[in-house]
Amino acid sequence: MASIARITRYLTVGAGALAVLAAPVPAFAQDNNDEARLRKLEAEVRALQRRVFPGSEGRYFEPEITGQPRQNQATVATPSTTAVTDILSRLDALESQIQRLTSQYEEGSFAVRELTARVEALENRGAAASPALSAPSTTGASRPAGTVQSGAATPTPAAAARPDPARVAAVQAIAKPQTDDPGDDEYSYGFRLWDAGFYPEAQQQLTMFVEKYPNHSRATYGRNLLGRAYLDDGKAKEAAPWFLRNYQADKAAARAGDSLLYLAETMIALDDQSRACIALAEFNETYPALAAGRLKSQYDANRGKVTCN
């Protein structure tokens, strides 16, 4: 915009030069002072054009004033209106160029604003991958301590410190399936633990399953149920990464839509309405059949808990 202001100032200077040229000049008997004055004004207009169009591309208008005497020729009296007309034409051309530059600047500014808005929208869609939602690692702190024994889940460290005999007996009473599909058996056992309300044991069992069988047909169910095991256990922050991971792993998977909706529910539990609204909007856009069908009541309930723009 500063360059446009400079162009305007230069045009004002050129207009001043034009005002001088427009003053009545005798049609004949132009003396040397008049010729020098016209040449000076012409040089100022050239300088004006070079300032408006800097560089060496030659994008300024070469003067075509025919009223100036050629060198080594006798002075020929010509109407002074020829020089004025030529400068008027050149200033008109400058005004047109300034209008084009202004239009291009405004169009460019609008395009930049539009692009910025689109980039921000895309960034907001991926904002769920913030530290609170980053996909869980399959090693380290995300892996519960201990190993799972067949037919019984090892208690968490806190529970191991003071084992509750009644709880241990209840967990051991949950049978682990024994079929020709060991991966499905591990998932089913985790499901039974979760269904019985043994959430810490279910978290450990399902974590072992998704790590050991990441390509199993039940993997999408396992990741989604693992997120639910944390969410039902009051650990929304730990649940969110599993829902996000399951959704991003394969958006066409059987429980990807469920995980996206549960991600919104998790954000509501974390009092993050902005991300909850993003997840709900994406769920409705990506899985309209689920939003109007199997998950409609859950979707409507979550929508009623937030105020989205």
Protein backbone atom coordinates (compact mmCIF):
# COMPACT_ATOMS: atom_id res chain seq x y z
CA MET A 1 0.00 0.00 0.00
CA ALA A 2 2.97 2.30 0.61
CA SER A 3 3.97 1.90 -3.05
CA ILE A 4 0.45 2.96 -4.12
CA ALA A 5 0.76 6.07 -1.95
CA ARG A 6 4.07 6.92 -3.58
CA ILE A 7 2.50 6.47 -7.03
CA THR A 8 -0.28 8.84 -6.02
CA ARG A 9 2.23 11.44 -4.87
CA TYR A 10 4.14 11.09 -8.14
CA LEU A 11 0.92 11.49 -10.09
CA THR A 12 0.21 14.66 -8.13
CA VAL A 13 3.62 15.99 -9.15
CA GLY A 14 2.85 15.05 -12.74
CA ALA A 15 -0.49 16.82 -12.49
CA GLY A 16 1.32 19.92 -11.31
CA ALA A 17 3.54 19.73 -14.31
CA LEU A 18 0.45 19.36 -16.46
CA ALA A 19 -1.09 22.46 -14.93
CA VAL A 20 1.96 24.45 -15.90
CA LEU A 21 1.87 23.08 -19.42
CA ALA A 22 -1.82 23.80 -19.74
CA ALA A 23 -1.26 27.54 -19.24
CA PRO A 24 -1.71 29.61 -22.39
CA VAL A 25 1.39 29.59 -24.53
CA PRO A 26 1.69 31.66 -27.68
CA ALA A 27 1.27 29.49 -30.74
CA PHE A 28 4.24 31.07 -32.43
CA ALA A 29 7.56 32.77 -31.56
CA GLN A 30 8.70 30.25 -28.96
CA ASP A 31 12.07 31.39 -27.72
CA ASN A 32 14.91 29.37 -26.26
CA ASN A 33 13.64 29.82 -22.67
CA ASP A 34 10.29 28.30 -23.58
CA GLU A 35 11.98 25.35 -25.25
CA ALA A 36 14.24 24.78 -22.23
CA ARG A 37 11.23 24.91 -19.94
CA LEU A 38 9.36 22.31 -22.00
CA ARG A 39 12.43 20.04 -22.08
CA LYS A 40 12.75 20.29 -18.29
CA LEU A 41 9.10 19.37 -17.81
CA GLU A 42 9.46 16.48 -20.19
CA ALA A 43 12.48 15.19 -18.22
CA GLU A 44 10.46 15.45 -15.00
CA VAL A 45 7.66 13.37 -16.51
CA ARG A 46 10.21 10.73 -17.59
CA ALA A 47 11.58 10.66 -14.05
CA LEU A 48 8.05 10.32 -12.73
CA GLN A 49 7.47 7.31 -14.99
CA ARG A 50 10.73 5.67 -13.97
CA ARG A 51 9.82 6.06 -10.28
CA VAL A 52 6.39 4.52 -10.85
CA PHE A 53 7.87 1.63 -12.84
CA PRO A 54 11.35 1.02 -11.40
CA GLY A 55 13.72 -1.51 -12.87
CA SER A 56 15.21 -2.12 -16.26
CA GLU A 57 12.25 -3.84 -17.91
CA GLY A 58 11.46 -0.69 -19.83
CA ARG A 59 7.87 -0.62 -18.61
CA TYR A 60 7.55 3.14 -18.72
CA PHE A 61 6.23 5.17 -21.61
CA GLU A 62 8.75 6.72 -23.96
CA PRO A 63 7.75 10.28 -24.86
CA GLU A 64 6.73 10.92 -28.39
CA ILE A 65 6.66 14.70 -28.32
CA THR A 66 7.10 15.95 -31.81
CA GLY A 67 6.99 19.62 -30.97
CA GLN A 68 10.67 19.73 -29.89
CA PRO A 69 13.22 20.89 -32.46
CA ARG A 70 15.82 18.34 -33.49
CA GLN A 71 19.47 19.04 -32.87
CA ASN A 72 21.26 21.01 -35.57
CA GLN A 73 17.94 22.02 -37.09
CA ALA A 74 16.46 25.44 -37.16
CA THR A 75 13.73 26.12 -34.65
CA VAL A 76 10.35 25.59 -36.26
CA ALA A 77 7.43 27.33 -34.71
CA THR A 78 4.79 24.65 -33.94
CA PRO A 79 1.69 24.88 -31.85
CA SER A 80 2.55 24.43 -28.18
CA THR A 81 -0.59 22.32 -27.73
CA THR A 82 1.28 19.37 -29.27
CA ALA A 83 3.52 18.99 -26.22
CA VAL A 84 0.61 19.46 -23.85
CA THR A 85 -1.45 16.84 -25.66
CA ASP A 86 1.38 14.31 -25.57
CA ILE A 87 1.97 14.81 -21.85
CA LEU A 88 -1.76 14.54 -21.19
CA SER A 89 -1.80 11.20 -23.01
CA ARG A 90 1.16 9.96 -21.04
CA LEU A 91 -0.41 11.03 -17.73
CA ASP A 92 -3.65 9.33 -18.71
CA ALA A 93 -1.66 6.18 -19.36
CA LEU A 94 -0.04 6.53 -15.94
CA GLU A 95 -3.43 6.88 -14.27
CA SER A 96 -4.65 3.74 -16.02
CA GLN A 97 -1.56 1.83 -14.92
CA ILE A 98 -2.03 3.00 -11.32
CA GLN A 99 -5.63 1.77 -11.40
CA ARG A 100 -4.46 -1.62 -12.67
CA LEU A 101 -1.79 -1.81 -9.98
CA THR A 102 -4.31 -0.92 -7.29
CA SER A 103 -6.72 -3.58 -8.58
CA GLN A 104 -3.98 -6.22 -8.68
CA TYR A 105 -2.89 -5.30 -5.15
CA GLU A 106 -6.45 -5.62 -3.82
CA GLU A 107 -6.95 -8.96 -5.64
CA GLY A 108 -3.66 -10.26 -4.26
CA SER A 109 -4.55 -9.19 -0.73
CA PHE A 110 -7.93 -10.92 -0.99
CA ALA A 111 -6.29 -14.12 -2.28
CA VAL A 112 -3.81 -14.09 0.61
CA ARG A 113 -6.62 -13.65 3.15
CA GLU A 114 -8.58 -16.51 1.58
CA LEU A 115 -5.52 -18.78 1.58
CA THR A 116 -4.75 -17.91 5.20
CA ALA A 117 -8.32 -18.73 6.23
CA ARG A 118 -8.15 -22.10 4.45
CA VAL A 119 -4.81 -22.96 6.04
CA GLU A 120 -6.13 -22.03 9.50
CA ALA A 121 -9.20 -24.21 8.91
CA LEU A 122 -6.99 -27.14 7.93
CA GLU A 123 -4.76 -26.57 10.95
CA ASN A 124 -7.80 -26.46 13.22
CA ARG A 125 -9.00 -29.78 11.80
CA GLY A 126 -5.70 -31.32 12.84
CA ALA A 127 -5.60 -29.48 16.15
CA ALA A 128 -6.83 -32.61 17.91
CA ALA A 129 -3.29 -33.94 17.44
CA SER A 130 -1.97 -31.53 20.09
CA PRO A 131 0.09 -32.87 23.03
CA ALA A 132 -3.10 -33.72 24.90
CA LEU A 133 -4.24 -35.74 21.89
CA SER A 134 -1.03 -37.00 20.32
CA ALA A 135 -1.25 -40.61 19.23
CA PRO A 136 0.00 -42.95 21.93
CA SER A 137 3.33 -44.64 21.66
CA THR A 138 3.37 -48.39 21.65
CA THR A 139 6.27 -48.39 24.10
CA GLY A 140 7.20 -46.63 27.31
CA ALA A 141 4.73 -44.94 29.57
CA SER A 142 1.67 -45.88 27.48
CA ARG A 143 2.30 -49.59 28.07
CA PRO A 144 0.85 -50.77 31.40
CA ALA A 145 3.28 -52.58 33.66
CA GLY A 146 3.23 -56.35 33.92
CA THR A 147 2.04 -59.06 31.57
CA VAL A 148 -1.31 -60.72 31.13
CA GLN A 149 -1.64 -64.33 32.18
CA SER A 150 -4.05 -66.60 30.41
CA GLY A 151 -7.43 -66.35 32.07
CA ALA A 152 -6.50 -63.43 34.38
CA ALA A 153 -5.30 -59.85 33.98
CA THR A 154 -2.32 -58.72 36.02
CA PRO A 155 -3.32 -55.89 38.39
CA THR A 156 -1.96 -52.40 37.76
CA PRO A 157 0.98 -51.29 39.97
CA ALA A 158 -1.38 -49.43 42.31
CA ALA A 159 -3.60 -52.47 42.65
CA ALA A 160 -0.59 -54.79 43.01
CA ALA A 161 0.54 -52.87 46.07
CA ARG A 162 -2.66 -53.76 47.88
CA PRO A 163 -4.46 -56.51 46.00
CA ASP A 164 -8.11 -56.89 46.75
CA PRO A 165 -8.75 -60.62 47.06
CA ALA A 166 -12.37 -60.22 46.07
CA ARG A 167 -11.45 -58.28 42.94
CA VAL A 168 -8.71 -60.73 41.98
CA ALA A 169 -11.15 -63.58 42.34
CA ALA A 170 -13.75 -61.74 40.25
CA VAL A 171 -11.24 -61.09 37.47
CA GLN A 172 -10.04 -64.68 37.49
CA ALA A 173 -13.63 -65.79 37.19
CA ILE A 174 -13.87 -64.18 33.76
CA ALA A 175 -13.03 -66.87 31.26
CA LYS A 176 -10.72 -66.24 28.38
CA PRO A 177 -11.91 -67.72 25.06
CA GLN A 178 -9.87 -70.51 23.52
CA THR A 179 -10.39 -70.73 19.76
CA ASP A 180 -8.27 -71.18 16.65
CA ASP A 181 -7.91 -67.36 16.41
CA PRO A 182 -5.65 -66.24 19.28
CA GLY A 183 -5.92 -62.58 18.27
CA ASP A 184 -9.69 -62.66 18.50
CA ASP A 185 -9.39 -64.46 21.85
CA GLU A 186 -7.23 -61.66 23.26
CA TYR A 187 -9.66 -58.99 22.09
CA SER A 188 -12.69 -60.88 23.38
CA TYR A 189 -11.09 -61.30 26.77
CA GLY A 190 -10.39 -57.56 26.92
CA PHE A 191 -14.01 -56.90 25.96
CA ARG A 192 -15.24 -59.18 28.77
CA LEU A 193 -13.06 -57.37 31.31
CA TRP A 194 -14.37 -53.99 30.14
CA ASP A 195 -17.96 -55.20 30.06
CA ALA A 196 -17.60 -56.40 33.68
CA GLY A 197 -16.34 -52.98 34.76
CA PHE A 198 -12.72 -54.00 35.36
CA TYR A 199 -11.36 -51.01 33.47
CA PRO A 200 -7.67 -51.05 34.52
CA GLU A 201 -7.42 -54.76 33.68
CA ALA A 202 -9.23 -54.16 30.39
CA GLN A 203 -6.82 -51.33 29.55
CA GLN A 204 -3.85 -53.60 30.05
CA GLN A 205 -5.36 -56.51 28.15
CA LEU A 206 -6.48 -54.39 25.18
CA THR A 207 -3.13 -52.56 25.01
CA MET A 208 -1.41 -55.92 24.72
CA PHE A 209 -3.84 -56.95 21.99
CA VAL A 210 -3.47 -53.84 19.75
CA GLU A 211 0.32 -53.99 20.04
CA LYS A 212 0.60 -57.70 19.34
CA TYR A 213 -2.04 -57.81 16.59
CA PRO A 214 -2.02 -54.37 14.89
CA ASN A 215 -3.29 -55.79 11.58
CA HIS A 216 -5.96 -58.06 12.99
CA SER A 217 -9.52 -57.57 11.78
CA ARG A 218 -10.44 -56.73 15.37
CA ALA A 219 -7.70 -54.07 15.72
CA THR A 220 -10.09 -51.19 15.02
CA TYR A 221 -12.45 -52.58 17.66
CA GLY A 222 -9.57 -53.01 20.11
CA ARG A 223 -8.25 -49.44 19.79
CA ASN A 224 -11.74 -47.99 20.09
CA LEU A 225 -12.58 -50.15 23.12
CA LEU A 226 -9.26 -49.27 24.74
CA GLY A 227 -10.18 -45.59 24.47
CA ARG A 228 -13.55 -46.36 26.01
CA ALA A 229 -11.92 -48.31 28.83
CA TYR A 230 -9.93 -45.19 29.73
CA LEU A 231 -12.91 -42.86 29.25
CA ASP A 232 -15.19 -45.02 31.40
CA ASP A 233 -12.43 -45.08 34.01
CA GLY A 234 -12.52 -41.28 34.22
CA LYS A 235 -9.24 -40.87 32.29
CA ALA A 236 -10.32 -38.72 29.37
CA LYS A 237 -6.81 -37.43 28.68
CA GLU A 238 -5.51 -40.98 28.26
CA ALA A 239 -8.55 -41.99 26.18
CA ALA A 240 -8.26 -39.23 23.56
CA PRO A 241 -5.03 -40.46 21.87
CA TRP A 242 -6.50 -43.93 21.32
CA PHE A 243 -9.66 -42.56 19.71
CA LEU A 244 -7.57 -40.27 17.50
CA ARG A 245 -5.19 -43.08 16.58
CA ASN A 246 -8.02 -45.42 15.62
CA TYR A 247 -9.71 -42.77 13.48
CA GLN A 248 -6.50 -41.83 11.68
CA ALA A 249 -5.35 -45.45 11.15
CA ASP A 250 -8.16 -46.20 8.70
CA LYS A 251 -11.12 -43.86 8.32
CA ALA A 252 -13.09 -46.59 6.56
CA ALA A 253 -12.60 -49.10 9.38
CA ALA A 254 -15.60 -50.48 11.26
CA ARG A 255 -15.02 -48.40 14.42
CA ALA A 256 -13.30 -45.32 12.97
CA GLY A 257 -16.54 -43.32 13.05
CA ASP A 258 -17.24 -44.43 16.60
CA SER A 259 -13.78 -43.28 17.68
CA LEU A 260 -14.26 -39.85 16.11
CA LEU A 261 -17.54 -39.39 17.95
CA TYR A 262 -15.98 -40.61 21.20
CA LEU A 263 -13.13 -38.18 20.59
CA ALA A 264 -15.69 -35.37 20.62
CA GLU A 265 -17.15 -36.80 23.82
CA THR A 266 -13.67 -36.91 25.34
CA MET A 267 -13.08 -33.25 24.46
CA ILE A 268 -16.36 -32.39 26.16
CA ALA A 269 -15.15 -34.23 29.26
CA LEU A 270 -11.93 -32.17 29.08
CA ASP A 271 -14.01 -28.97 28.74
CA ASP A 272 -12.53 -28.25 25.30
CA GLN A 273 -15.60 -27.16 23.35
CA SER A 274 -13.63 -25.88 20.39
CA ARG A 275 -12.10 -29.26 19.59
CA ALA A 276 -15.32 -31.02 20.49
CA CYS A 277 -17.12 -28.96 17.85
CA ILE A 278 -14.42 -29.73 15.29
CA ALA A 279 -14.72 -33.46 15.93
CA LEU A 280 -18.54 -33.34 15.82
CA ALA A 281 -18.54 -31.40 12.56
CA GLU A 282 -16.08 -33.81 10.96
CA PHE A 283 -18.08 -36.79 12.20
CA ASN A 284 -21.28 -35.43 10.67
CA GLU A 285 -19.50 -34.64 7.41
CA THR A 286 -17.53 -37.90 7.12
CA TYR A 287 -20.09 -40.35 8.51
CA PRO A 288 -23.56 -38.96 7.71
CA ALA A 289 -25.09 -42.45 7.75
CA LEU A 290 -23.86 -43.06 11.30
CA ALA A 291 -24.94 -39.59 12.40
CA ALA A 292 -28.45 -40.31 11.17
CA GLY A 293 -28.50 -43.98 12.07
CA ARG A 294 -26.71 -46.21 14.59
CA LEU A 295 -24.96 -43.36 16.45
CA LYS A 296 -27.66 -40.70 16.09
CA SER A 297 -28.71 -40.62 19.75
CA GLN A 298 -25.09 -40.35 20.93
CA TYR A 299 -24.32 -37.68 18.32
CA ASP A 300 -27.40 -35.65 19.27
CA ALA A 301 -26.57 -35.95 22.97
CA ASN A 302 -23.03 -34.66 22.43
CA ARG A 303 -24.29 -31.84 20.20
CA GLY A 304 -26.60 -30.78 23.01
CA LYS A 305 -23.66 -30.42 25.41
CA VAL A 306 -21.76 -27.80 23.38
CA THR A 307 -22.46 -24.58 21.54
CA CYS A 308 -20.84 -24.67 18.12
CA ASN A 309 -20.74 -21.87 15.57
